[in-house]
């Protein structure tokens, strides 16, 4: 860093981008206070267990522990029965995707939490299962929504610009996770 009081064109651009971004974030918070204090609900139907859940997991600025526990149970490893906490940010991504798509239909869950043992077995039996899968940490879910194309869900998820988005058109599901920003097709 220079002791000079003059700024380079690159520094000026960077500061302007920061100010623009910060201003946009502040405007979004002011324009949509329901994002901070509203209520967030989701519906699930697990394709392997048949279990259904309609749940409000966030209310008046607080994640609801009992609701999160119900979500963790329904999204458990259906092969082993192991239950693991589901990342609330993953639920928020599903909620935002629902809002963008303007639907209130339940998500059909193909896979959510996977125990390390289940993940290892799947890796040995098939291709496309990551060794360090986000599913093992309760930070990933594979879903579809009846009547809505997986391609449309993928496009909306990509526009959210957060986490991993895997598109599986042949198997008709979308993978979402709260990891680093990346995308792929399976």
N, C-alpha and C. Protein backbone atom coordinates (compact mmCIF):
# COMPACT_ATOMS: atom_id res chain seq x y z
N UNK A 1 0.85 -1.18 0.00
CA UNK A 1 0.00 0.00 0.00
C UNK A 1 0.88 1.23 0.00
N UNK A 2 0.52 2.18 -0.79
CA UNK A 2 1.29 3.41 -0.94
C UNK A 2 0.87 4.42 0.12
N UNK A 3 1.84 5.31 0.51
CA UNK A 3 1.53 6.38 1.44
C UNK A 3 0.90 7.58 0.72
N UNK A 4 0.82 7.51 -0.59
CA UNK A 4 0.29 8.60 -1.39
C UNK A 4 -1.19 8.81 -1.09
N UNK A 5 -1.62 10.07 -1.14
CA UNK A 5 -3.03 10.39 -0.93
C UNK A 5 -3.83 10.24 -2.21
N UNK A 6 -3.15 10.06 -3.35
CA UNK A 6 -3.85 9.90 -4.61
C UNK A 6 -4.28 8.46 -4.78
N UNK A 7 -5.42 8.26 -5.41
CA UNK A 7 -5.94 6.92 -5.67
C UNK A 7 -5.71 6.55 -7.12
N UNK A 8 -5.44 5.28 -7.35
CA UNK A 8 -5.32 4.80 -8.72
C UNK A 8 -6.72 4.58 -9.28
N UNK A 9 -6.86 4.54 -10.62
CA UNK A 9 -8.18 4.27 -11.21
C UNK A 9 -8.78 2.95 -10.71
N UNK A 10 -7.93 1.93 -10.49
CA UNK A 10 -8.42 0.63 -10.00
C UNK A 10 -8.99 0.76 -8.59
N UNK A 11 -8.31 1.52 -7.71
CA UNK A 11 -8.80 1.72 -6.35
C UNK A 11 -10.13 2.46 -6.35
N UNK A 12 -10.24 3.46 -7.23
CA UNK A 12 -11.49 4.22 -7.32
C UNK A 12 -12.63 3.31 -7.77
N UNK A 13 -12.38 2.49 -8.81
CA UNK A 13 -13.41 1.55 -9.28
C UNK A 13 -13.81 0.60 -8.17
N UNK A 14 -12.84 0.07 -7.43
CA UNK A 14 -13.13 -0.88 -6.36
C UNK A 14 -13.97 -0.23 -5.27
N UNK A 15 -13.62 0.99 -4.89
CA UNK A 15 -14.40 1.68 -3.86
C UNK A 15 -15.82 1.94 -4.35
N UNK A 16 -15.95 2.37 -5.61
CA UNK A 16 -17.28 2.63 -6.16
C UNK A 16 -18.12 1.36 -6.18
N UNK A 17 -17.51 0.24 -6.56
CA UNK A 17 -18.24 -1.04 -6.58
C UNK A 17 -18.69 -1.39 -5.17
N UNK A 18 -17.82 -1.18 -4.18
CA UNK A 18 -18.17 -1.49 -2.79
C UNK A 18 -19.34 -0.61 -2.33
N UNK A 19 -19.25 0.68 -2.61
CA UNK A 19 -20.32 1.60 -2.18
C UNK A 19 -21.63 1.24 -2.87
N UNK A 20 -21.56 0.95 -4.17
CA UNK A 20 -22.76 0.56 -4.91
C UNK A 20 -23.37 -0.71 -4.31
N UNK A 21 -22.53 -1.69 -4.02
CA UNK A 21 -23.00 -2.97 -3.47
C UNK A 21 -23.60 -2.75 -2.08
N UNK A 22 -22.89 -2.00 -1.24
CA UNK A 22 -23.38 -1.75 0.12
C UNK A 22 -24.69 -0.99 0.09
N UNK A 23 -24.79 -0.02 -0.80
CA UNK A 23 -26.04 0.74 -0.93
C UNK A 23 -27.18 -0.13 -1.40
N UNK A 24 -26.90 -1.02 -2.34
CA UNK A 24 -27.93 -1.95 -2.82
C UNK A 24 -28.39 -2.89 -1.73
N UNK A 25 -27.45 -3.35 -0.90
CA UNK A 25 -27.82 -4.24 0.21
C UNK A 25 -28.69 -3.51 1.21
N UNK A 26 -28.31 -2.28 1.54
CA UNK A 26 -29.12 -1.50 2.48
C UNK A 26 -30.51 -1.26 1.93
N UNK A 27 -30.61 -0.96 0.64
CA UNK A 27 -31.92 -0.74 0.02
C UNK A 27 -32.76 -2.01 0.07
N UNK A 28 -32.13 -3.16 -0.16
CA UNK A 28 -32.86 -4.42 -0.14
C UNK A 28 -33.41 -4.70 1.26
N UNK A 29 -32.61 -4.42 2.28
CA UNK A 29 -33.07 -4.66 3.65
C UNK A 29 -34.22 -3.72 3.99
N UNK A 30 -34.12 -2.44 3.58
CA UNK A 30 -35.20 -1.50 3.85
C UNK A 30 -36.46 -1.84 3.06
N UNK A 31 -36.27 -2.29 1.83
CA UNK A 31 -37.42 -2.56 0.97
C UNK A 31 -38.12 -3.85 1.33
N UNK A 32 -37.41 -4.78 1.93
CA UNK A 32 -37.98 -6.10 2.21
C UNK A 32 -37.72 -6.52 3.66
N UNK A 33 -38.29 -5.78 4.63
CA UNK A 33 -38.05 -6.14 6.03
C UNK A 33 -38.60 -7.52 6.38
N UNK A 34 -39.52 -8.05 5.56
CA UNK A 34 -40.05 -9.37 5.85
C UNK A 34 -38.97 -10.43 5.74
N UNK A 35 -37.90 -10.14 4.97
CA UNK A 35 -36.79 -11.09 4.89
C UNK A 35 -36.15 -11.27 6.25
N UNK A 36 -36.13 -10.22 7.05
CA UNK A 36 -35.51 -10.31 8.37
C UNK A 36 -36.51 -10.75 9.44
N UNK A 37 -37.76 -10.28 9.35
CA UNK A 37 -38.69 -10.51 10.46
C UNK A 37 -39.94 -11.27 10.09
N UNK A 38 -40.08 -11.66 8.86
CA UNK A 38 -41.28 -12.35 8.44
C UNK A 38 -41.30 -13.80 8.87
N UNK A 39 -42.06 -14.56 8.15
CA UNK A 39 -42.17 -15.98 8.43
C UNK A 39 -41.80 -16.74 7.18
N UNK A 40 -41.11 -17.85 7.35
CA UNK A 40 -40.69 -18.69 6.22
C UNK A 40 -41.20 -20.10 6.46
N UNK A 41 -41.90 -20.60 5.45
CA UNK A 41 -42.49 -21.93 5.54
C UNK A 41 -42.11 -22.74 4.30
N UNK A 42 -42.06 -24.05 4.47
CA UNK A 42 -41.78 -24.97 3.38
C UNK A 42 -42.63 -26.21 3.54
N UNK A 43 -42.83 -26.91 2.42
CA UNK A 43 -43.52 -28.20 2.43
C UNK A 43 -42.64 -29.21 1.73
N UNK A 44 -42.60 -30.42 2.28
CA UNK A 44 -41.80 -31.50 1.72
C UNK A 44 -42.64 -32.76 1.60
N UNK A 45 -42.32 -33.56 0.59
CA UNK A 45 -42.81 -34.93 0.47
C UNK A 45 -41.56 -35.75 0.15
N UNK A 46 -41.23 -36.69 1.02
CA UNK A 46 -40.03 -37.51 0.79
C UNK A 46 -40.40 -38.66 -0.14
N UNK A 47 -39.72 -38.75 -1.27
CA UNK A 47 -40.08 -39.75 -2.29
C UNK A 47 -39.80 -41.18 -1.85
N UNK A 48 -38.91 -41.39 -0.90
CA UNK A 48 -38.56 -42.74 -0.47
C UNK A 48 -39.34 -43.22 0.75
N UNK A 49 -39.74 -42.28 1.62
CA UNK A 49 -40.46 -42.68 2.83
C UNK A 49 -41.95 -42.36 2.76
N UNK A 50 -42.32 -41.46 1.84
CA UNK A 50 -43.72 -41.04 1.75
C UNK A 50 -44.11 -40.01 2.80
N UNK A 51 -43.18 -39.64 3.68
CA UNK A 51 -43.49 -38.68 4.74
C UNK A 51 -43.70 -37.29 4.16
N UNK A 52 -44.63 -36.56 4.78
CA UNK A 52 -44.95 -35.20 4.37
C UNK A 52 -44.73 -34.27 5.55
N UNK A 53 -44.32 -33.05 5.23
CA UNK A 53 -44.11 -32.05 6.28
C UNK A 53 -44.44 -30.67 5.73
N UNK A 54 -45.30 -29.97 6.42
CA UNK A 54 -45.56 -28.55 6.19
C UNK A 54 -45.06 -27.85 7.44
N UNK A 55 -44.10 -26.94 7.30
CA UNK A 55 -43.48 -26.39 8.50
C UNK A 55 -43.13 -24.91 8.30
N UNK A 56 -43.35 -24.15 9.35
CA UNK A 56 -42.85 -22.78 9.43
C UNK A 56 -41.60 -22.85 10.28
N UNK A 57 -40.44 -22.69 9.65
CA UNK A 57 -39.17 -22.89 10.34
C UNK A 57 -38.53 -21.59 10.82
N UNK A 58 -39.11 -20.45 10.41
CA UNK A 58 -38.56 -19.14 10.77
C UNK A 58 -39.74 -18.21 11.03
N UNK A 59 -39.72 -17.56 12.19
CA UNK A 59 -40.82 -16.67 12.54
C UNK A 59 -40.29 -15.49 13.35
N UNK A 60 -40.69 -14.28 12.97
CA UNK A 60 -40.35 -13.04 13.69
C UNK A 60 -38.86 -12.93 13.97
N UNK A 61 -38.05 -13.22 12.96
CA UNK A 61 -36.60 -13.04 13.07
C UNK A 61 -35.86 -14.18 13.73
N UNK A 62 -36.54 -15.30 14.01
CA UNK A 62 -35.90 -16.40 14.74
C UNK A 62 -36.19 -17.74 14.07
N UNK A 63 -35.12 -18.52 13.89
CA UNK A 63 -35.32 -19.92 13.45
C UNK A 63 -35.97 -20.67 14.59
N UNK A 64 -36.94 -21.51 14.26
CA UNK A 64 -37.72 -22.22 15.25
C UNK A 64 -37.11 -23.61 15.52
N UNK A 65 -36.50 -23.82 16.70
CA UNK A 65 -35.79 -25.08 16.99
C UNK A 65 -36.66 -26.33 16.82
N UNK A 66 -37.89 -26.30 17.28
CA UNK A 66 -38.75 -27.49 17.15
C UNK A 66 -39.04 -27.78 15.68
N UNK A 67 -39.24 -26.74 14.90
CA UNK A 67 -39.50 -26.92 13.47
C UNK A 67 -38.25 -27.45 12.77
N UNK A 68 -37.08 -26.93 13.13
CA UNK A 68 -35.83 -27.42 12.54
C UNK A 68 -35.60 -28.89 12.87
N UNK A 69 -35.99 -29.30 14.07
CA UNK A 69 -35.87 -30.71 14.45
C UNK A 69 -36.80 -31.59 13.61
N UNK A 70 -38.01 -31.09 13.33
CA UNK A 70 -38.94 -31.84 12.47
C UNK A 70 -38.39 -31.95 11.05
N UNK A 71 -37.80 -30.88 10.56
CA UNK A 71 -37.19 -30.89 9.23
C UNK A 71 -36.06 -31.92 9.20
N UNK A 72 -35.19 -31.90 10.21
CA UNK A 72 -34.07 -32.84 10.27
C UNK A 72 -34.55 -34.29 10.25
N UNK A 73 -35.66 -34.56 10.94
CA UNK A 73 -36.17 -35.93 10.97
C UNK A 73 -36.69 -36.36 9.59
N UNK A 74 -37.46 -35.52 8.94
CA UNK A 74 -38.01 -35.88 7.64
C UNK A 74 -36.92 -35.97 6.57
N UNK A 75 -35.88 -35.13 6.70
CA UNK A 75 -34.80 -35.13 5.72
C UNK A 75 -33.62 -36.02 6.14
N UNK A 76 -33.88 -36.94 7.05
CA UNK A 76 -32.85 -37.85 7.55
C UNK A 76 -32.35 -38.78 6.45
N UNK A 77 -31.30 -39.50 6.75
CA UNK A 77 -30.78 -40.54 5.85
C UNK A 77 -31.80 -41.67 5.85
N UNK A 78 -32.57 -41.78 4.80
CA UNK A 78 -33.66 -42.78 4.76
C UNK A 78 -33.11 -44.20 4.69
N UNK A 79 -31.87 -44.37 4.31
CA UNK A 79 -31.28 -45.71 4.24
C UNK A 79 -30.90 -46.23 5.61
N UNK A 80 -30.35 -45.35 6.47
CA UNK A 80 -29.88 -45.78 7.79
C UNK A 80 -30.76 -45.30 8.93
N UNK A 81 -31.55 -44.28 8.68
CA UNK A 81 -32.37 -43.69 9.75
C UNK A 81 -31.63 -42.62 10.54
N UNK A 82 -30.36 -42.37 10.22
CA UNK A 82 -29.58 -41.36 10.94
C UNK A 82 -30.16 -39.97 10.69
N UNK A 83 -30.26 -39.20 11.76
CA UNK A 83 -30.79 -37.84 11.70
C UNK A 83 -29.65 -36.87 11.94
N UNK A 84 -29.65 -35.76 11.20
CA UNK A 84 -28.60 -34.75 11.32
C UNK A 84 -29.24 -33.38 11.11
N UNK A 85 -28.75 -32.39 11.80
CA UNK A 85 -29.26 -31.02 11.62
C UNK A 85 -29.10 -30.60 10.17
N UNK A 86 -30.12 -29.96 9.63
CA UNK A 86 -30.09 -29.41 8.28
C UNK A 86 -29.73 -27.93 8.37
N UNK A 87 -28.82 -27.50 7.55
CA UNK A 87 -28.38 -26.11 7.54
C UNK A 87 -29.56 -25.18 7.26
N UNK A 88 -29.89 -24.27 8.17
CA UNK A 88 -31.01 -23.34 7.92
C UNK A 88 -30.82 -22.51 6.65
N UNK A 89 -29.58 -22.27 6.25
CA UNK A 89 -29.33 -21.53 5.02
C UNK A 89 -29.80 -22.32 3.80
N UNK A 90 -29.78 -23.64 3.89
CA UNK A 90 -30.31 -24.48 2.81
C UNK A 90 -31.82 -24.32 2.73
N UNK A 91 -32.47 -24.28 3.88
CA UNK A 91 -33.92 -24.05 3.91
C UNK A 91 -34.24 -22.67 3.34
N UNK A 92 -33.42 -21.68 3.68
CA UNK A 92 -33.64 -20.33 3.14
C UNK A 92 -33.49 -20.33 1.62
N UNK A 93 -32.53 -21.09 1.10
CA UNK A 93 -32.36 -21.17 -0.35
C UNK A 93 -33.60 -21.79 -1.00
N UNK A 94 -34.14 -22.85 -0.39
CA UNK A 94 -35.36 -23.46 -0.91
C UNK A 94 -36.53 -22.48 -0.84
N UNK A 95 -36.61 -21.74 0.26
CA UNK A 95 -37.67 -20.76 0.42
C UNK A 95 -37.56 -19.66 -0.65
N UNK A 96 -36.35 -19.17 -0.86
CA UNK A 96 -36.14 -18.13 -1.87
C UNK A 96 -36.46 -18.65 -3.27
N UNK A 97 -36.08 -19.89 -3.54
CA UNK A 97 -36.39 -20.50 -4.83
C UNK A 97 -37.90 -20.60 -5.02
N UNK A 98 -38.59 -20.93 -3.96
CA UNK A 98 -40.06 -21.00 -3.99
C UNK A 98 -40.65 -19.63 -4.29
N UNK A 99 -40.12 -18.59 -3.67
CA UNK A 99 -40.61 -17.23 -3.91
C UNK A 99 -40.33 -16.79 -5.35
N UNK A 100 -39.13 -17.06 -5.84
CA UNK A 100 -38.79 -16.70 -7.21
C UNK A 100 -39.68 -17.39 -8.22
N UNK A 101 -40.04 -18.62 -7.92
CA UNK A 101 -40.86 -19.42 -8.83
C UNK A 101 -42.35 -19.21 -8.60
N UNK A 102 -42.68 -18.49 -7.55
CA UNK A 102 -44.06 -18.20 -7.19
C UNK A 102 -44.90 -19.47 -7.09
N UNK A 103 -44.38 -20.43 -6.32
CA UNK A 103 -45.14 -21.66 -6.11
C UNK A 103 -45.25 -21.94 -4.61
N UNK A 104 -46.28 -22.67 -4.25
CA UNK A 104 -46.41 -23.10 -2.86
C UNK A 104 -46.57 -24.62 -2.79
N UNK A 105 -46.09 -25.29 -3.83
CA UNK A 105 -46.16 -26.75 -3.90
C UNK A 105 -45.07 -27.35 -3.03
N UNK A 106 -45.28 -28.57 -2.56
CA UNK A 106 -44.23 -29.21 -1.76
C UNK A 106 -43.04 -29.61 -2.63
N UNK A 107 -41.86 -29.54 -2.03
CA UNK A 107 -40.67 -30.07 -2.68
C UNK A 107 -40.69 -31.58 -2.53
N UNK A 108 -40.50 -32.29 -3.63
CA UNK A 108 -40.31 -33.73 -3.58
C UNK A 108 -38.83 -33.97 -3.31
N UNK A 109 -38.54 -34.61 -2.20
CA UNK A 109 -37.16 -34.83 -1.76
C UNK A 109 -36.68 -36.19 -2.24
N UNK A 110 -35.60 -36.19 -2.99
CA UNK A 110 -34.98 -37.42 -3.44
C UNK A 110 -33.90 -37.83 -2.44
N UNK A 111 -33.12 -36.86 -1.98
CA UNK A 111 -32.05 -37.12 -1.01
C UNK A 111 -31.75 -35.83 -0.27
N UNK A 112 -31.48 -35.95 1.02
CA UNK A 112 -31.04 -34.79 1.81
C UNK A 112 -29.82 -35.25 2.61
N UNK A 113 -29.97 -35.39 3.92
CA UNK A 113 -28.83 -35.84 4.72
C UNK A 113 -28.45 -37.28 4.34
N UNK A 114 -27.14 -37.52 4.28
CA UNK A 114 -26.60 -38.87 4.11
C UNK A 114 -25.53 -39.08 5.16
N UNK A 115 -25.59 -40.18 5.86
CA UNK A 115 -24.53 -40.49 6.82
C UNK A 115 -23.23 -40.75 6.06
N UNK A 116 -22.08 -40.61 6.70
CA UNK A 116 -20.82 -40.92 6.02
C UNK A 116 -20.79 -42.35 5.47
N UNK A 117 -21.35 -43.30 6.21
CA UNK A 117 -21.37 -44.69 5.75
C UNK A 117 -22.23 -44.84 4.49
N UNK A 118 -23.41 -44.23 4.48
CA UNK A 118 -24.27 -44.27 3.30
C UNK A 118 -23.58 -43.63 2.11
N UNK A 119 -22.95 -42.49 2.34
CA UNK A 119 -22.27 -41.81 1.24
C UNK A 119 -21.15 -42.68 0.67
N UNK A 120 -20.38 -43.33 1.54
CA UNK A 120 -19.29 -44.20 1.08
C UNK A 120 -19.85 -45.38 0.27
N UNK A 121 -20.94 -45.96 0.74
CA UNK A 121 -21.56 -47.08 0.00
C UNK A 121 -22.04 -46.63 -1.37
N UNK A 122 -22.68 -45.46 -1.43
CA UNK A 122 -23.16 -44.94 -2.71
C UNK A 122 -22.01 -44.66 -3.66
N UNK A 123 -20.90 -44.15 -3.13
CA UNK A 123 -19.72 -43.90 -3.97
C UNK A 123 -19.20 -45.18 -4.60
N UNK A 124 -19.28 -46.28 -3.85
CA UNK A 124 -18.80 -47.57 -4.36
C UNK A 124 -19.77 -48.19 -5.36
N UNK A 125 -21.05 -47.83 -5.28
CA UNK A 125 -22.08 -48.47 -6.12
C UNK A 125 -22.39 -47.69 -7.39
N UNK A 126 -22.11 -46.40 -7.43
CA UNK A 126 -22.53 -45.58 -8.56
C UNK A 126 -21.53 -44.46 -8.80
N UNK A 127 -21.72 -43.76 -9.90
CA UNK A 127 -20.86 -42.62 -10.20
C UNK A 127 -21.57 -41.33 -9.79
N UNK A 128 -20.82 -40.27 -9.67
CA UNK A 128 -21.40 -38.96 -9.41
C UNK A 128 -21.65 -38.65 -7.95
N UNK A 129 -21.18 -39.49 -7.03
CA UNK A 129 -21.34 -39.21 -5.60
C UNK A 129 -20.00 -38.68 -5.08
N UNK A 130 -19.99 -37.46 -4.59
CA UNK A 130 -18.76 -36.83 -4.13
C UNK A 130 -18.27 -37.47 -2.83
N UNK A 131 -16.98 -37.62 -2.73
CA UNK A 131 -16.39 -38.19 -1.51
C UNK A 131 -16.68 -37.30 -0.31
N UNK A 132 -16.57 -36.00 -0.51
CA UNK A 132 -16.82 -35.05 0.58
C UNK A 132 -18.14 -34.32 0.30
N UNK A 133 -19.18 -35.09 0.11
CA UNK A 133 -20.49 -34.56 -0.25
C UNK A 133 -21.04 -33.62 0.82
N UNK A 134 -21.68 -32.56 0.36
CA UNK A 134 -22.36 -31.64 1.27
C UNK A 134 -23.55 -32.31 1.95
N UNK A 135 -24.05 -33.39 1.35
CA UNK A 135 -25.15 -34.15 1.97
C UNK A 135 -24.74 -34.67 3.35
N UNK A 136 -23.47 -35.04 3.50
CA UNK A 136 -22.97 -35.61 4.75
C UNK A 136 -23.00 -34.58 5.89
N UNK A 137 -23.06 -33.32 5.54
CA UNK A 137 -23.06 -32.25 6.55
C UNK A 137 -24.44 -31.60 6.71
N UNK A 138 -25.46 -32.16 6.07
CA UNK A 138 -26.79 -31.57 6.16
C UNK A 138 -26.88 -30.25 5.43
N UNK A 139 -26.03 -30.08 4.40
CA UNK A 139 -25.97 -28.81 3.67
C UNK A 139 -26.34 -28.97 2.21
N UNK A 140 -27.00 -30.09 1.86
CA UNK A 140 -27.38 -30.33 0.46
C UNK A 140 -28.70 -31.08 0.40
N UNK A 141 -29.41 -30.87 -0.70
CA UNK A 141 -30.68 -31.55 -0.92
C UNK A 141 -30.88 -31.73 -2.42
N UNK A 142 -31.51 -32.84 -2.78
CA UNK A 142 -31.89 -33.12 -4.17
C UNK A 142 -33.41 -33.10 -4.21
N UNK A 143 -33.96 -32.23 -5.07
CA UNK A 143 -35.41 -32.02 -5.08
C UNK A 143 -35.95 -31.83 -6.50
N UNK A 144 -37.26 -31.89 -6.58
CA UNK A 144 -38.01 -31.46 -7.76
C UNK A 144 -39.35 -30.95 -7.25
N UNK A 145 -40.08 -30.27 -8.12
CA UNK A 145 -41.40 -29.75 -7.77
C UNK A 145 -42.36 -30.20 -8.87
N UNK A 146 -43.44 -30.91 -8.51
CA UNK A 146 -44.39 -31.36 -9.53
C UNK A 146 -44.93 -30.19 -10.35
N UNK A 147 -44.93 -30.38 -11.67
CA UNK A 147 -45.48 -29.37 -12.56
C UNK A 147 -44.52 -28.25 -12.92
N UNK A 148 -43.31 -28.27 -12.36
CA UNK A 148 -42.32 -27.23 -12.66
C UNK A 148 -41.07 -27.94 -13.20
N UNK A 149 -40.61 -27.50 -14.35
CA UNK A 149 -39.46 -28.17 -14.95
C UNK A 149 -38.21 -27.98 -14.09
N UNK A 150 -37.41 -29.01 -14.05
CA UNK A 150 -36.15 -28.94 -13.31
C UNK A 150 -35.23 -27.89 -13.94
N UNK A 151 -35.34 -27.72 -15.25
CA UNK A 151 -34.54 -26.70 -15.93
C UNK A 151 -34.91 -25.31 -15.41
N UNK A 152 -36.20 -25.05 -15.25
CA UNK A 152 -36.62 -23.75 -14.73
C UNK A 152 -36.12 -23.55 -13.31
N UNK A 153 -36.22 -24.59 -12.48
CA UNK A 153 -35.71 -24.50 -11.11
C UNK A 153 -34.21 -24.22 -11.12
N UNK A 154 -33.49 -24.91 -12.01
CA UNK A 154 -32.04 -24.69 -12.13
C UNK A 154 -31.73 -23.25 -12.49
N UNK A 155 -32.43 -22.73 -13.50
CA UNK A 155 -32.18 -21.36 -13.94
C UNK A 155 -32.43 -20.36 -12.81
N UNK A 156 -33.50 -20.55 -12.08
CA UNK A 156 -33.80 -19.66 -10.95
C UNK A 156 -32.74 -19.79 -9.86
N UNK A 157 -32.34 -21.03 -9.57
CA UNK A 157 -31.31 -21.25 -8.55
C UNK A 157 -29.99 -20.61 -8.96
N UNK A 158 -29.64 -20.70 -10.22
CA UNK A 158 -28.40 -20.06 -10.69
C UNK A 158 -28.48 -18.55 -10.54
N UNK A 159 -29.66 -17.98 -10.78
CA UNK A 159 -29.83 -16.53 -10.63
C UNK A 159 -29.71 -16.08 -9.18
N UNK A 160 -29.93 -16.99 -8.22
CA UNK A 160 -29.76 -16.64 -6.81
C UNK A 160 -28.28 -16.43 -6.49
N UNK A 161 -27.40 -17.06 -7.30
CA UNK A 161 -25.96 -16.83 -7.20
C UNK A 161 -25.40 -17.18 -5.82
N UNK A 162 -25.77 -18.38 -5.32
CA UNK A 162 -25.19 -18.82 -4.05
C UNK A 162 -25.20 -20.34 -4.00
N UNK A 163 -24.17 -20.89 -3.41
CA UNK A 163 -24.07 -22.34 -3.22
C UNK A 163 -23.91 -23.12 -4.51
N UNK A 164 -23.97 -24.44 -4.37
CA UNK A 164 -23.84 -25.33 -5.50
C UNK A 164 -25.19 -25.64 -6.11
N UNK A 165 -25.20 -25.73 -7.44
CA UNK A 165 -26.42 -26.06 -8.18
C UNK A 165 -26.07 -27.16 -9.17
N UNK A 166 -26.60 -28.36 -8.93
CA UNK A 166 -26.40 -29.47 -9.85
C UNK A 166 -27.69 -29.78 -10.58
N UNK A 167 -27.59 -29.92 -11.88
CA UNK A 167 -28.76 -30.13 -12.73
C UNK A 167 -28.71 -31.55 -13.27
N UNK A 168 -29.75 -32.34 -12.97
CA UNK A 168 -29.83 -33.74 -13.37
C UNK A 168 -31.11 -33.95 -14.19
N UNK A 169 -31.08 -33.56 -15.46
CA UNK A 169 -32.30 -33.63 -16.28
C UNK A 169 -32.79 -35.05 -16.52
N UNK A 170 -31.89 -36.02 -16.69
CA UNK A 170 -32.32 -37.40 -16.95
C UNK A 170 -32.98 -38.02 -15.72
N UNK A 171 -32.48 -37.68 -14.54
CA UNK A 171 -33.07 -38.20 -13.30
C UNK A 171 -34.15 -37.27 -12.76
N UNK A 172 -34.34 -36.12 -13.40
CA UNK A 172 -35.38 -35.16 -13.05
C UNK A 172 -35.28 -34.64 -11.61
N UNK A 173 -34.10 -34.12 -11.27
CA UNK A 173 -33.98 -33.44 -9.98
C UNK A 173 -32.91 -32.37 -10.02
N UNK A 174 -32.98 -31.50 -9.02
CA UNK A 174 -32.04 -30.41 -8.85
C UNK A 174 -31.33 -30.60 -7.53
N UNK A 175 -30.01 -30.47 -7.54
CA UNK A 175 -29.21 -30.50 -6.31
C UNK A 175 -28.94 -29.06 -5.91
N UNK A 176 -29.19 -28.73 -4.64
CA UNK A 176 -28.84 -27.43 -4.07
C UNK A 176 -27.99 -27.66 -2.84
N UNK A 177 -26.97 -26.83 -2.65
CA UNK A 177 -26.21 -26.90 -1.40
C UNK A 177 -25.72 -25.53 -0.99
N UNK A 178 -25.24 -25.45 0.23
CA UNK A 178 -24.79 -24.16 0.78
C UNK A 178 -23.27 -24.05 0.75
N UNK A 179 -22.63 -24.82 -0.10
CA UNK A 179 -21.17 -24.74 -0.25
C UNK A 179 -20.78 -23.56 -1.12
N UNK A 180 -19.58 -23.65 -1.65
CA UNK A 180 -19.08 -22.57 -2.51
C UNK A 180 -19.90 -22.51 -3.81
N UNK A 181 -19.87 -21.38 -4.45
CA UNK A 181 -20.61 -21.15 -5.68
C UNK A 181 -20.02 -22.00 -6.80
N UNK A 182 -20.83 -22.90 -7.37
CA UNK A 182 -20.40 -23.75 -8.48
C UNK A 182 -21.64 -24.37 -9.12
N UNK A 183 -21.48 -24.90 -10.32
CA UNK A 183 -22.60 -25.53 -11.00
C UNK A 183 -22.08 -26.70 -11.84
N UNK A 184 -22.96 -27.68 -12.11
CA UNK A 184 -22.60 -28.83 -12.92
C UNK A 184 -23.88 -29.49 -13.42
N UNK A 185 -23.69 -30.38 -14.38
CA UNK A 185 -24.80 -31.16 -14.91
C UNK A 185 -24.44 -32.62 -14.84
N UNK A 186 -25.38 -33.42 -14.36
CA UNK A 186 -25.14 -34.86 -14.20
C UNK A 186 -25.97 -35.70 -15.12
